[in-house]
């Protein structure tokens, strides 16, 4: 049994010990569903078939008794499994977790601890607070109630850093005032600290209780009283404006629509998150097997029999389709030994590496069919014993790569490895958000994502920033009446995310230069939709 701290909310704060523990887990128990985001981080590998279970909680939302949580761990470790218990922040700074560990020991289970970055220090830093206060910094944890034993701490003249829940903030404010802290003391309250949903507000201690009940002064923005919160009281808050960095990221708080499946969108989603954005994936295509399997079956036999010199993969889906056919025949990556393997870009190359294959050719810059053709060596009848290339691809793929390789003297056998069909429409709330401008941006990675998104969900609102991966995708956007704001300088998911961030930074600087408030595109006043 291993208790693993995950930090306060940003998956980038996972330690190497945490990554290793997760990779070797036979079962994982998490505090809440929000911690599932840990498994989306590119450094995290969860073995196939490993169950992820949410620890039991009371109807009030508080953790279930330690004995009940320990029983779940005991059950999961019955067969000698390695159970990893993921905990937000640093495990033993939470008394509930310490009680759970003690209950596990009583049940006959030894445990280890992988410490995590503490939210008591990380969240203030994510909020722009320097804890270098000459008069002293005092950390207080108030998980359930304000007790008399704690009251003397509120009167301290230094900076107070308090980890608590939203419902207790009024009590904390009253205790601090009662014990002599000035009503003019500045306070900073942070919800969802360290995540892309981080929300902070600054207020005087005298007004803290009222403001905490309704942070933005609107009934609909009231915070769940069980939601974790961090409060900083004292001198350190006064210098926050000079040190605020996290909420100043170019895409902080932006809601970005990515018209791809979650596994396809992972690299882009992680890049967008690094700029502060919340990405939401909406699949616009569904990948299905070819109508007739005979062509793929012949190609697989040809690979085994040495019919080809090269295999060219132009998408992650192509890698997946070939891998699945290999597995149907009881084959693995060793069947490709002796062949040269090409990948159109880093994402496809990564899918090959996950299969145990190191690609021989990946274009350095242009990660497209044209870029792969440009990087491909010409056929040499002396050096190349065979002149055939196996090209597994989608049914709607262009002829660009085949034509380019043919000019180089290669014989290309392009085979339909999978079909792409339009996905089912997203849920009604998502469709409404797309049409009414609730998304700040949409990132289109191909012409088909443009056509399919418009077909299943309608056109994005006129206020939504439209970002396209390249000129061809941009033209398709324009054909559908969408104004394109951003085009990636080079085709690639990471390059597209970077381009959107650069656009947002320039937009922010312009607003600041004009003396205007920095708002997100979704916060603009409603305007006329694109026609």
Protein backbone atom coordinates (compact mmCIF):
# COMPACT_ATOMS: atom_id res chain seq x y z
CA UNK A 1 0.00 0.00 0.00
CA UNK A 2 1.43 3.37 -1.04
CA UNK A 3 -0.02 6.77 -0.13
CA UNK A 4 0.98 9.11 -2.96
CA UNK A 5 0.71 12.89 -2.82
CA UNK A 6 -0.30 14.48 -6.13
CA UNK A 7 0.18 18.14 -5.23
CA UNK A 8 -2.50 20.83 -5.11
CA UNK A 9 -4.05 20.52 -8.57
CA UNK A 10 -1.48 20.95 -11.33
CA UNK A 11 -0.46 17.48 -12.65
CA UNK A 12 2.95 18.94 -13.55
CA UNK A 13 3.75 18.90 -9.82
CA UNK A 14 3.76 15.10 -9.65
CA UNK A 15 7.08 13.79 -8.34
CA UNK A 16 9.12 11.07 -10.04
CA UNK A 17 8.20 8.85 -7.11
CA UNK A 18 4.52 9.42 -7.78
CA UNK A 19 4.90 8.62 -11.49
CA UNK A 20 6.78 5.41 -10.68
CA UNK A 21 4.23 4.30 -8.07
CA UNK A 22 1.33 4.78 -10.49
CA UNK A 23 3.15 2.89 -13.26
CA UNK A 24 3.57 -0.15 -10.99
CA UNK A 25 0.13 -0.09 -9.39
CA UNK A 26 -2.25 -3.04 -9.55
CA UNK A 27 -5.11 -0.85 -8.30
CA UNK A 28 -5.56 2.86 -7.62
CA UNK A 29 -7.84 4.59 -5.12
CA UNK A 30 -8.48 8.33 -5.53
CA UNK A 31 -10.11 10.91 -3.27
CA UNK A 32 -12.45 12.26 -5.97
CA UNK A 33 -13.06 12.23 -9.71
CA UNK A 34 -11.04 15.42 -10.17
CA UNK A 35 -7.87 13.39 -9.54
CA UNK A 36 -8.49 11.40 -12.74
CA UNK A 37 -6.79 14.27 -14.57
CA UNK A 38 -3.51 12.89 -13.22
CA UNK A 39 -3.76 9.97 -15.65
CA UNK A 40 -3.94 12.34 -18.64
CA UNK A 41 -0.46 13.72 -17.98
CA UNK A 42 2.02 12.54 -20.64
CA UNK A 43 4.50 11.31 -17.99
CA UNK A 44 1.95 9.07 -16.28
CA UNK A 45 1.54 5.47 -17.40
CA UNK A 46 -1.26 3.40 -15.91
CA UNK A 47 -0.96 -0.29 -16.79
CA UNK A 48 -3.76 -1.78 -18.88
CA UNK A 49 -6.57 -3.25 -16.81
CA UNK A 50 -5.73 -1.36 -13.60
CA UNK A 51 -8.91 -0.32 -11.77
CA UNK A 52 -9.35 3.24 -10.50
CA UNK A 53 -11.78 3.52 -7.59
CA UNK A 54 -13.06 6.61 -5.77
CA UNK A 55 -12.70 6.39 -1.99
CA UNK A 56 -16.06 6.30 -0.17
CA UNK A 57 -17.52 9.52 1.19
CA UNK A 58 -20.38 10.47 3.47
CA UNK A 59 -23.59 11.99 2.03
CA UNK A 60 -22.33 15.39 3.31
CA UNK A 61 -19.31 15.11 1.03
CA UNK A 62 -16.84 14.55 3.86
CA UNK A 63 -14.53 11.50 3.72
CA UNK A 64 -16.04 8.27 5.05
CA UNK A 65 -14.60 6.96 8.34
CA UNK A 66 -11.00 5.80 8.09
CA UNK A 67 -11.99 2.20 8.78
CA UNK A 68 -14.40 2.19 5.84
CA UNK A 69 -11.77 3.59 3.47
CA UNK A 70 -9.22 1.09 4.77
CA UNK A 71 -11.62 -1.80 4.09
CA UNK A 72 -11.62 -0.84 0.41
CA UNK A 73 -7.82 -0.94 0.34
CA UNK A 74 -7.78 -4.29 2.17
CA UNK A 75 -10.14 -5.76 -0.41
CA UNK A 76 -8.07 -4.48 -3.35
CA UNK A 77 -4.86 -5.88 -1.89
CA UNK A 78 -6.21 -9.33 -1.01
CA UNK A 79 -4.13 -11.08 -3.66
CA UNK A 80 -0.90 -9.28 -2.83
CA UNK A 81 -1.58 -6.41 -5.21
CA UNK A 82 0.21 -3.08 -5.08
CA UNK A 83 -2.49 -0.54 -4.17
CA UNK A 84 -1.74 3.14 -4.74
CA UNK A 85 -3.80 5.63 -2.77
CA UNK A 86 -3.70 9.02 -4.54
CA UNK A 87 -4.19 12.02 -2.27
CA UNK A 88 -4.36 15.70 -3.16
CA UNK A 89 -1.46 17.69 -1.75
CA UNK A 90 0.89 16.00 0.75
CA UNK A 91 -0.63 12.85 2.35
CA UNK A 92 0.18 13.24 6.02
CA UNK A 93 -0.78 16.91 6.18
CA UNK A 94 -4.34 15.55 6.06
CA UNK A 95 -5.39 14.01 9.38
CA UNK A 96 -8.00 11.88 7.60
CA UNK A 97 -5.29 10.23 5.52
CA UNK A 98 -3.12 9.56 8.58
CA UNK A 99 -6.10 7.88 10.26
CA UNK A 100 -6.67 5.81 7.13
CA UNK A 101 -3.03 4.68 7.15
CA UNK A 102 -3.30 3.66 10.81
CA UNK A 103 -6.45 1.67 10.02
CA UNK A 104 -4.59 -0.13 7.23
CA UNK A 105 -1.85 -1.13 9.69
CA UNK A 106 -4.48 -2.51 12.07
CA UNK A 107 -5.82 -4.52 9.15
CA UNK A 108 -2.42 -6.08 8.53
CA UNK A 109 -1.24 -3.93 5.59
CA UNK A 110 2.15 -2.22 5.58
CA UNK A 111 2.28 1.14 3.86
CA UNK A 112 4.71 3.60 2.33
CA UNK A 113 4.36 7.32 1.67
CA UNK A 114 5.41 9.28 -1.41
CA UNK A 115 5.24 12.90 -0.24
CA UNK A 116 3.64 15.43 -2.54
CA UNK A 117 4.01 19.18 -2.98
CA UNK A 118 2.09 20.76 -0.12
CA UNK A 119 -0.85 22.97 -1.01
CA UNK A 120 0.02 25.18 1.98
CA UNK A 121 3.04 26.52 0.11
CA UNK A 122 2.15 25.77 -3.52
CA UNK A 123 -1.28 27.43 -3.68
CA UNK A 124 -0.07 30.79 -2.31
CA UNK A 125 2.77 30.71 -4.84
CA UNK A 126 0.32 29.90 -7.66
CA UNK A 127 -1.65 32.93 -6.42
CA UNK A 128 1.37 35.25 -6.59
CA UNK A 129 2.15 35.32 -2.87
CA UNK A 130 5.76 35.43 -1.65
CA UNK A 131 6.00 33.78 1.75
CA UNK A 132 9.22 35.62 2.60
CA UNK A 133 7.75 37.71 5.43
CA UNK A 134 10.26 39.05 7.97
CA UNK A 135 7.60 39.06 10.70
CA UNK A 136 6.95 35.35 10.24
CA UNK A 137 4.68 33.01 8.29
CA UNK A 138 2.33 30.71 10.19
CA UNK A 139 0.56 27.72 8.61
CA UNK A 140 -2.80 26.59 9.93
CA UNK A 141 -4.97 23.66 8.81
CA UNK A 142 -8.68 24.00 9.59
CA UNK A 143 -10.34 20.96 8.00
CA UNK A 144 -13.61 20.78 9.95
CA UNK A 145 -14.11 23.52 12.55
CA UNK A 146 -12.46 26.48 14.23
CA UNK A 147 -11.45 25.40 17.73
CA UNK A 148 -10.41 27.34 20.81
CA UNK A 149 -7.03 25.66 20.66
CA UNK A 150 -6.41 27.36 17.35
CA UNK A 151 -7.70 30.79 18.34
CA UNK A 152 -4.37 32.14 19.60
CA UNK A 153 -2.90 31.66 16.11
CA UNK A 154 -5.33 34.12 14.53
CA UNK A 155 -3.93 37.04 16.53
CA UNK A 156 -0.39 36.62 15.21
CA UNK A 157 0.95 39.73 13.51
CA UNK A 158 2.74 37.79 10.75
CA UNK A 159 1.27 36.28 7.60
CA UNK A 160 -1.26 33.50 8.11
CA UNK A 161 -1.63 30.74 5.49
CA UNK A 162 -4.76 28.72 6.14
CA UNK A 163 -5.89 25.51 4.46
CA UNK A 164 -9.60 24.98 5.00
CA UNK A 165 -12.96 24.54 3.27
CA UNK A 166 -15.11 27.34 1.89
CA UNK A 167 -17.83 26.96 4.54
CA UNK A 168 -15.43 27.74 7.38
CA UNK A 169 -14.03 31.01 6.01
CA UNK A 170 -16.62 33.21 7.83
CA UNK A 171 -15.70 31.50 11.13
CA UNK A 172 -12.00 32.04 10.44
CA UNK A 173 -12.62 35.73 9.72
CA UNK A 174 -14.57 36.12 12.96
CA UNK A 175 -11.88 34.31 14.97
CA UNK A 176 -9.12 36.50 13.52
CA UNK A 177 -11.01 39.72 14.24
CA UNK A 178 -12.00 38.59 17.73
CA UNK A 179 -8.38 37.83 18.56
CA UNK A 180 -7.14 41.25 17.54
CA UNK A 181 -6.22 41.13 13.86
CA UNK A 182 -7.02 44.52 12.26
CA UNK A 183 -10.07 44.67 10.02
CA UNK A 184 -7.86 46.41 7.43
CA UNK A 185 -5.58 43.39 7.05
CA UNK A 186 -5.60 42.24 3.45
CA UNK A 187 -6.76 38.69 2.66
CA UNK A 188 -6.43 36.55 -0.45
CA UNK A 189 -8.80 33.62 -0.92
CA UNK A 190 -8.06 30.93 -3.51
CA UNK A 191 -10.40 28.19 -4.71
CA UNK A 192 -9.29 25.32 -6.99
CA UNK A 193 -5.68 26.37 -6.35
CA UNK A 194 -3.07 25.14 -8.81
CA UNK A 195 -5.62 24.09 -11.42
CA UNK A 196 -6.71 25.85 -14.59
CA UNK A 197 -9.94 26.69 -12.75
CA UNK A 198 -8.10 28.62 -10.03
CA UNK A 199 -10.22 31.48 -8.72
CA UNK A 200 -8.87 34.15 -6.37
CA UNK A 201 -10.19 37.31 -4.80
CA UNK A 202 -8.62 39.89 -2.51
CA UNK A 203 -10.58 41.56 0.27
CA UNK A 204 -10.06 43.15 3.68
CA UNK A 205 -10.42 40.96 6.75
CA UNK A 206 -13.46 42.96 7.83
CA UNK A 207 -15.28 42.10 4.59
CA UNK A 208 -13.97 38.54 4.27
CA UNK A 209 -16.96 36.72 5.77
CA UNK A 210 -19.53 38.37 3.49
CA UNK A 211 -17.40 38.07 0.36
CA UNK A 212 -16.60 34.40 0.98
CA UNK A 213 -20.29 33.52 0.91
CA UNK A 214 -20.63 34.95 -2.61
CA UNK A 215 -17.16 35.52 -4.17
CA UNK A 216 -18.31 37.40 -7.28
CA UNK A 217 -21.40 39.05 -5.86
CA UNK A 218 -23.75 36.90 -7.91
CA UNK A 219 -25.91 34.16 -6.49
CA UNK A 220 -25.04 31.74 -9.28
CA UNK A 221 -21.33 31.87 -8.38
CA UNK A 222 -21.69 30.67 -4.80
CA UNK A 223 -19.01 28.15 -3.82
CA UNK A 224 -19.79 24.70 -2.42
CA UNK A 225 -19.08 24.97 1.35
CA UNK A 226 -17.14 21.67 1.23
CA UNK A 227 -14.82 22.96 -1.50
CA UNK A 228 -11.15 23.19 -0.40
CA UNK A 229 -9.94 26.76 -0.03
CA UNK A 230 -6.77 28.60 0.95
CA UNK A 231 -6.74 31.91 2.79
CA UNK A 232 -3.69 34.16 3.19
CA UNK A 233 -3.99 37.00 5.71
CA UNK A 234 -1.38 39.67 6.25
CA UNK A 235 1.41 41.72 4.76
CA UNK A 236 2.37 39.26 1.99
CA UNK A 237 -0.94 39.90 0.23
CA UNK A 238 -0.06 43.55 -0.35
CA UNK A 239 2.67 42.66 -2.88
CA UNK A 240 0.67 40.11 -4.83
CA UNK A 241 0.02 42.36 -7.84
CA UNK A 242 3.74 42.45 -8.68
CA UNK A 243 4.15 38.66 -8.45
CA UNK A 244 0.97 37.30 -10.01
CA UNK A 245 2.06 34.86 -12.71
CA UNK A 246 -0.28 31.89 -12.96
CA UNK A 247 -3.52 33.71 -13.67
CA UNK A 248 -1.60 35.93 -16.09
CA UNK A 249 -0.90 33.05 -18.47
CA UNK A 250 -2.14 33.92 -21.98
CA UNK A 251 -4.95 31.35 -22.06
CA UNK A 252 -5.77 31.28 -18.35
CA UNK A 253 -9.43 30.44 -17.85
CA UNK A 254 -10.10 30.03 -21.59
CA UNK A 255 -12.52 27.28 -22.48
CA UNK A 256 -11.11 25.71 -25.65
CA UNK A 257 -13.00 23.23 -27.80
CA UNK A 258 -10.87 20.50 -29.36
CA UNK A 259 -12.82 18.55 -32.02
CA UNK A 260 -10.98 15.27 -31.42
CA UNK A 261 -11.23 12.24 -29.17
CA UNK A 262 -9.55 12.49 -25.76
CA UNK A 263 -6.70 10.11 -26.65
CA UNK A 264 -6.00 11.90 -29.94
CA UNK A 265 -6.15 15.31 -28.27
CA UNK A 266 -3.85 14.49 -25.32
CA UNK A 267 -0.67 16.26 -26.57
CA UNK A 268 -2.59 19.38 -27.56
CA UNK A 269 -4.67 19.34 -24.35
CA UNK A 270 -1.53 19.16 -22.22
CA UNK A 271 0.04 22.05 -24.15
CA UNK A 272 -3.12 24.14 -23.81
CA UNK A 273 -3.20 23.39 -20.08
CA UNK A 274 0.39 24.64 -19.78
CA UNK A 275 -0.93 28.01 -21.00
CA UNK A 276 -3.78 27.95 -18.47
CA UNK A 277 -6.63 26.75 -20.70
CA UNK A 278 -9.38 24.25 -20.00
CA UNK A 279 -9.77 22.06 -23.07
CA UNK A 280 -12.88 20.07 -23.85
CA UNK A 281 -12.75 17.28 -26.40
CA UNK A 282 -15.68 16.69 -28.74
CA UNK A 283 -15.16 13.78 -31.17
CA UNK A 284 -16.30 14.70 -34.66
CA UNK A 285 -15.39 11.45 -36.36
CA UNK A 286 -15.77 7.82 -35.45
CA UNK A 287 -13.16 5.33 -36.60
CA UNK A 288 -14.50 2.03 -37.94
CA UNK A 289 -12.96 -1.01 -39.64
CA UNK A 290 -12.91 -1.14 -43.46
CA UNK A 291 -16.02 -2.55 -45.09
CA UNK A 292 -14.02 -5.52 -46.39
CA UNK A 293 -11.10 -6.96 -44.37
CA UNK A 294 -9.51 -8.90 -47.25
CA UNK A 295 -7.21 -6.10 -48.46
CA UNK A 296 -5.76 -5.54 -44.98
CA UNK A 297 -5.35 -9.28 -44.44
CA UNK A 298 -3.33 -9.61 -47.66
CA UNK A 299 -1.17 -6.65 -46.65
CA UNK A 300 -0.47 -8.15 -43.21
CA UNK A 301 0.58 -11.43 -44.81
CA UNK A 302 2.79 -9.42 -47.19
CA UNK A 303 4.51 -7.74 -44.24
CA UNK A 304 5.30 -11.11 -42.66
CA UNK A 305 6.47 -12.60 -45.97
CA UNK A 306 8.85 -9.71 -46.74
CA UNK A 307 6.88 -8.15 -49.57
CA UNK A 308 7.62 -4.55 -48.49
CA UNK A 309 10.69 -2.42 -47.86
CA UNK A 310 8.87 0.39 -46.03
CA UNK A 311 5.70 0.93 -43.99
CA UNK A 312 4.40 4.51 -43.84
CA UNK A 313 2.08 5.58 -41.03
CA UNK A 314 0.27 8.87 -41.53
CA UNK A 315 -1.83 8.88 -38.34
CA UNK A 316 -2.21 7.39 -34.89
CA UNK A 317 -5.37 5.69 -36.16
CA UNK A 318 -3.35 3.91 -38.86
CA UNK A 319 -0.93 2.59 -36.22
CA UNK A 320 -3.85 1.42 -34.10
CA UNK A 321 -5.55 -0.28 -37.06
CA UNK A 322 -2.43 -2.23 -38.06
CA UNK A 323 -1.66 -3.16 -34.47
CA UNK A 324 -5.18 -4.51 -33.96
CA UNK A 325 -4.91 -6.62 -37.13
CA UNK A 326 -1.54 -7.94 -35.94
CA UNK A 327 -3.10 -8.96 -32.64
CA UNK A 328 -5.97 -10.68 -34.48
CA UNK A 329 -3.35 -12.85 -36.19
CA UNK A 330 -1.39 -13.45 -32.98
CA UNK A 331 1.48 -11.21 -34.11
CA UNK A 332 3.35 -8.43 -32.33
CA UNK A 333 5.80 -5.66 -33.23
CA UNK A 334 8.54 -8.19 -33.98
CA UNK A 335 6.77 -8.97 -37.25
CA UNK A 336 8.01 -5.58 -38.51
CA UNK A 337 11.67 -6.37 -37.85
CA UNK A 338 13.77 -5.82 -40.96
CA UNK A 339 11.33 -3.27 -42.36
CA UNK A 340 11.87 0.47 -42.44
CA UNK A 341 9.11 2.39 -40.70
CA UNK A 342 8.10 6.02 -41.32
CA UNK A 343 5.81 8.26 -39.26
CA UNK A 344 4.25 11.50 -40.42
CA UNK A 345 4.95 13.31 -37.13
CA UNK A 346 5.76 13.07 -33.40
CA UNK A 347 2.27 11.93 -32.34
CA UNK A 348 2.27 9.04 -34.81
CA UNK A 349 5.88 8.31 -33.89
CA UNK A 350 4.87 8.19 -30.23
CA UNK A 351 2.15 5.64 -31.00
CA UNK A 352 4.76 3.48 -32.73
CA UNK A 353 7.15 3.81 -29.79
CA UNK A 354 4.37 2.77 -27.41
CA UNK A 355 4.08 -0.36 -29.56
CA UNK A 356 7.83 -0.96 -29.23
CA UNK A 357 8.82 0.34 -32.67
CA UNK A 358 11.33 3.13 -33.21
CA UNK A 359 10.51 4.88 -36.53
CA UNK A 360 13.32 5.22 -39.03
CA UNK A 361 11.94 8.38 -40.60
CA UNK A 362 10.00 11.31 -39.11
CA UNK A 363 9.97 14.68 -40.94
CA UNK A 364 11.88 17.32 -39.00
CA UNK A 365 9.52 20.22 -39.67
CA UNK A 366 6.53 19.63 -41.93
CA UNK A 367 4.43 16.95 -40.22
CA UNK A 368 2.10 16.34 -43.13
CA UNK A 369 1.81 13.93 -46.06
CA UNK A 370 3.68 16.43 -48.24
CA UNK A 371 6.37 16.84 -45.57
CA UNK A 372 6.83 13.08 -45.29
CA UNK A 373 7.12 12.75 -49.08
CA UNK A 374 9.71 15.55 -49.13
CA UNK A 375 11.82 13.77 -46.48
CA UNK A 376 11.54 10.35 -48.14
CA UNK A 377 14.67 8.97 -49.86
CA UNK A 378 14.42 8.06 -53.56
CA UNK A 379 14.38 4.40 -54.57
CA UNK A 380 17.84 3.00 -55.25
CA UNK A 381 17.86 -0.34 -57.06
CA UNK A 382 21.29 -1.11 -55.61
CA UNK A 383 20.64 -0.27 -51.95
CA UNK A 384 16.95 -1.17 -51.81
CA UNK A 385 16.23 -4.87 -52.45
CA UNK A 386 12.48 -4.22 -52.67
CA UNK A 387 10.73 -1.16 -54.02
CA UNK A 388 7.31 -1.54 -52.38
CA UNK A 389 5.84 0.67 -49.65
CA UNK A 390 2.84 -0.37 -47.55
CA UNK A 391 0.63 2.67 -46.85
CA UNK A 392 -2.24 1.92 -44.42
CA UNK A 393 -4.58 4.90 -44.33
CA UNK A 394 -8.09 6.23 -43.95
CA UNK A 395 -10.69 5.80 -46.65
CA UNK A 396 -10.82 9.58 -47.17
CA UNK A 397 -7.06 10.22 -47.22
CA UNK A 398 -5.59 12.27 -50.06
CA UNK A 399 -3.23 10.93 -52.72
CA UNK A 400 -0.44 13.36 -51.78
CA UNK A 401 1.94 10.86 -50.19
CA UNK A 402 1.35 8.12 -52.75
CA UNK A 403 1.98 10.52 -55.62
CA UNK A 404 5.14 11.85 -54.01
CA UNK A 405 6.60 8.39 -53.37
CA UNK A 406 5.71 7.21 -56.85
CA UNK A 407 7.74 10.10 -58.30
CA UNK A 408 10.67 8.89 -56.21
CA UNK A 409 10.49 5.48 -57.86
CA UNK A 410 8.61 3.57 -55.19
CA UNK A 411 5.66 1.26 -55.78
CA UNK A 412 3.03 2.21 -53.24
CA UNK A 413 0.28 -0.14 -52.08
CA UNK A 414 -2.21 2.04 -50.27
CA UNK A 415 -4.69 0.03 -48.25
CA UNK A 416 -7.82 1.24 -46.48
CA UNK A 417 -6.97 0.39 -42.87
CA UNK A 418 -9.94 2.18 -41.34
CA UNK A 419 -12.96 4.28 -42.24
CA UNK A 420 -13.87 7.64 -40.76
CA UNK A 421 -17.53 8.42 -40.30
CA UNK A 422 -19.20 11.41 -38.72
CA UNK A 423 -19.59 11.03 -34.96
CA UNK A 424 -22.85 11.36 -33.08
CA UNK A 425 -23.78 14.92 -32.02
CA UNK A 426 -22.40 16.05 -28.65
CA UNK A 427 -24.79 16.58 -25.71
CA UNK A 428 -27.27 19.44 -25.97
CA UNK A 429 -25.44 21.69 -23.43
CA UNK A 430 -22.24 21.42 -25.51
CA UNK A 431 -24.08 22.25 -28.74
CA UNK A 432 -25.68 25.25 -27.07
CA UNK A 433 -22.30 26.41 -25.72
CA UNK A 434 -20.80 26.21 -29.22
CA UNK A 435 -23.59 28.21 -30.81
CA UNK A 436 -23.89 30.86 -28.08
CA UNK A 437 -20.20 31.69 -27.63
CA UNK A 438 -19.53 29.95 -24.31
CA UNK A 439 -16.29 28.58 -25.77
CA UNK A 440 -13.44 31.07 -26.04
CA UNK A 441 -11.75 29.24 -28.91
CA UNK A 442 -12.01 26.24 -31.23
CA UNK A 443 -8.89 24.55 -32.60
CA UNK A 444 -9.40 22.76 -35.92
CA UNK A 445 -6.78 20.14 -36.81
CA UNK A 446 -8.11 19.18 -40.26
CA UNK A 447 -10.71 20.11 -42.84
CA UNK A 448 -12.80 17.10 -41.83
CA UNK A 449 -13.04 18.35 -38.23
CA UNK A 450 -14.44 21.64 -39.55
CA UNK A 451 -17.05 19.96 -41.74
CA UNK A 452 -18.03 17.42 -39.13
CA UNK A 453 -18.24 19.84 -36.19
CA UNK A 454 -20.49 22.19 -38.15
CA UNK A 455 -22.53 19.19 -39.25
CA UNK A 456 -23.11 17.70 -35.79
CA UNK A 457 -23.13 20.81 -33.61
CA UNK A 458 -23.52 23.93 -35.75
CA UNK A 459 -21.22 26.90 -36.38
CA UNK A 460 -19.22 28.42 -33.53
CA UNK A 461 -20.42 31.85 -32.43
CA UNK A 462 -18.94 35.02 -33.96
CA UNK A 463 -17.08 35.85 -30.72
CA UNK A 464 -15.27 32.50 -30.63
CA UNK A 465 -11.62 32.55 -31.73
CA UNK A 466 -11.06 30.15 -34.63
CA UNK A 467 -7.64 28.49 -34.89
CA UNK A 468 -6.64 26.30 -37.85
CA UNK A 469 -3.70 23.92 -38.17
CA UNK A 470 -2.81 25.06 -41.71
CA UNK A 471 -3.93 26.89 -44.84
CA UNK A 472 -6.09 24.05 -46.18
CA UNK A 473 -8.02 23.80 -42.91
CA UNK A 474 -8.32 27.60 -42.82
CA UNK A 475 -9.86 27.61 -46.31
CA UNK A 476 -12.42 25.03 -45.20
CA UNK A 477 -13.28 27.23 -42.22
CA UNK A 478 -13.83 30.18 -44.51
CA UNK A 479 -15.96 28.07 -46.85
CA UNK A 480 -18.22 27.44 -43.87
CA UNK A 481 -18.47 31.12 -43.02
CA UNK A 482 -15.95 31.13 -40.17
CA UNK A 483 -13.44 33.95 -39.74
CA UNK A 484 -10.03 32.43 -39.04
CA UNK A 485 -8.07 34.25 -36.34
CA UNK A 486 -5.07 31.93 -35.96
CA UNK A 487 -3.13 29.69 -38.37
CA UNK A 488 -0.29 27.55 -37.05
CA UNK A 489 3.06 28.47 -38.68
CA UNK A 490 3.73 24.73 -39.16
CA UNK A 491 1.13 21.93 -39.18
CA UNK A 492 1.14 20.23 -35.80
CA UNK A 493 -1.01 20.02 -32.67
CA UNK A 494 1.64 21.58 -30.42
CA UNK A 495 2.34 24.34 -32.96
CA UNK A 496 -1.38 25.10 -33.13
CA UNK A 497 -1.64 25.38 -29.33
CA UNK A 498 1.42 27.67 -29.29
CA UNK A 499 -0.06 29.85 -32.03
CA UNK A 500 -3.32 30.23 -30.10
CA UNK A 501 -1.38 31.19 -26.96
CA UNK A 502 0.61 33.79 -28.91
CA UNK A 503 -2.62 35.24 -30.29
CA UNK A 504 -4.10 35.44 -26.79
CA UNK A 505 -0.96 37.10 -25.40
CA UNK A 506 -1.00 39.73 -28.15
CA UNK A 507 -4.71 40.31 -27.56
CA UNK A 508 -4.10 40.72 -23.80
CA UNK A 509 -1.27 43.19 -24.38
CA UNK A 510 -3.46 45.23 -26.74
CA UNK A 511 -6.29 45.42 -24.19
CA UNK A 512 -3.88 46.47 -21.45
CA UNK A 513 -2.32 49.07 -23.76
CA UNK A 514 -5.77 50.51 -24.44
CA UNK A 515 -6.55 50.65 -20.73
CA UNK A 516 -9.28 48.05 -21.04
CA UNK A 517 -10.01 45.13 -18.73
CA UNK A 518 -8.57 41.81 -19.90
CA UNK A 519 -11.58 39.63 -20.62
CA UNK A 520 -11.93 36.31 -22.37
CA UNK A 521 -13.63 36.13 -25.80
CA UNK A 522 -16.64 34.40 -24.21
CA UNK A 523 -17.10 37.44 -21.95
CA UNK A 524 -17.65 39.84 -24.85
CA UNK A 525 -21.05 41.34 -25.24
CA UNK A 526 -23.23 39.19 -27.51
CA UNK A 527 -22.79 40.12 -31.13
CA UNK A 528 -23.98 39.02 -34.49
CA UNK A 529 -23.17 35.42 -35.33
CA UNK A 530 -21.20 34.42 -38.36
CA UNK A 531 -23.54 33.94 -41.24
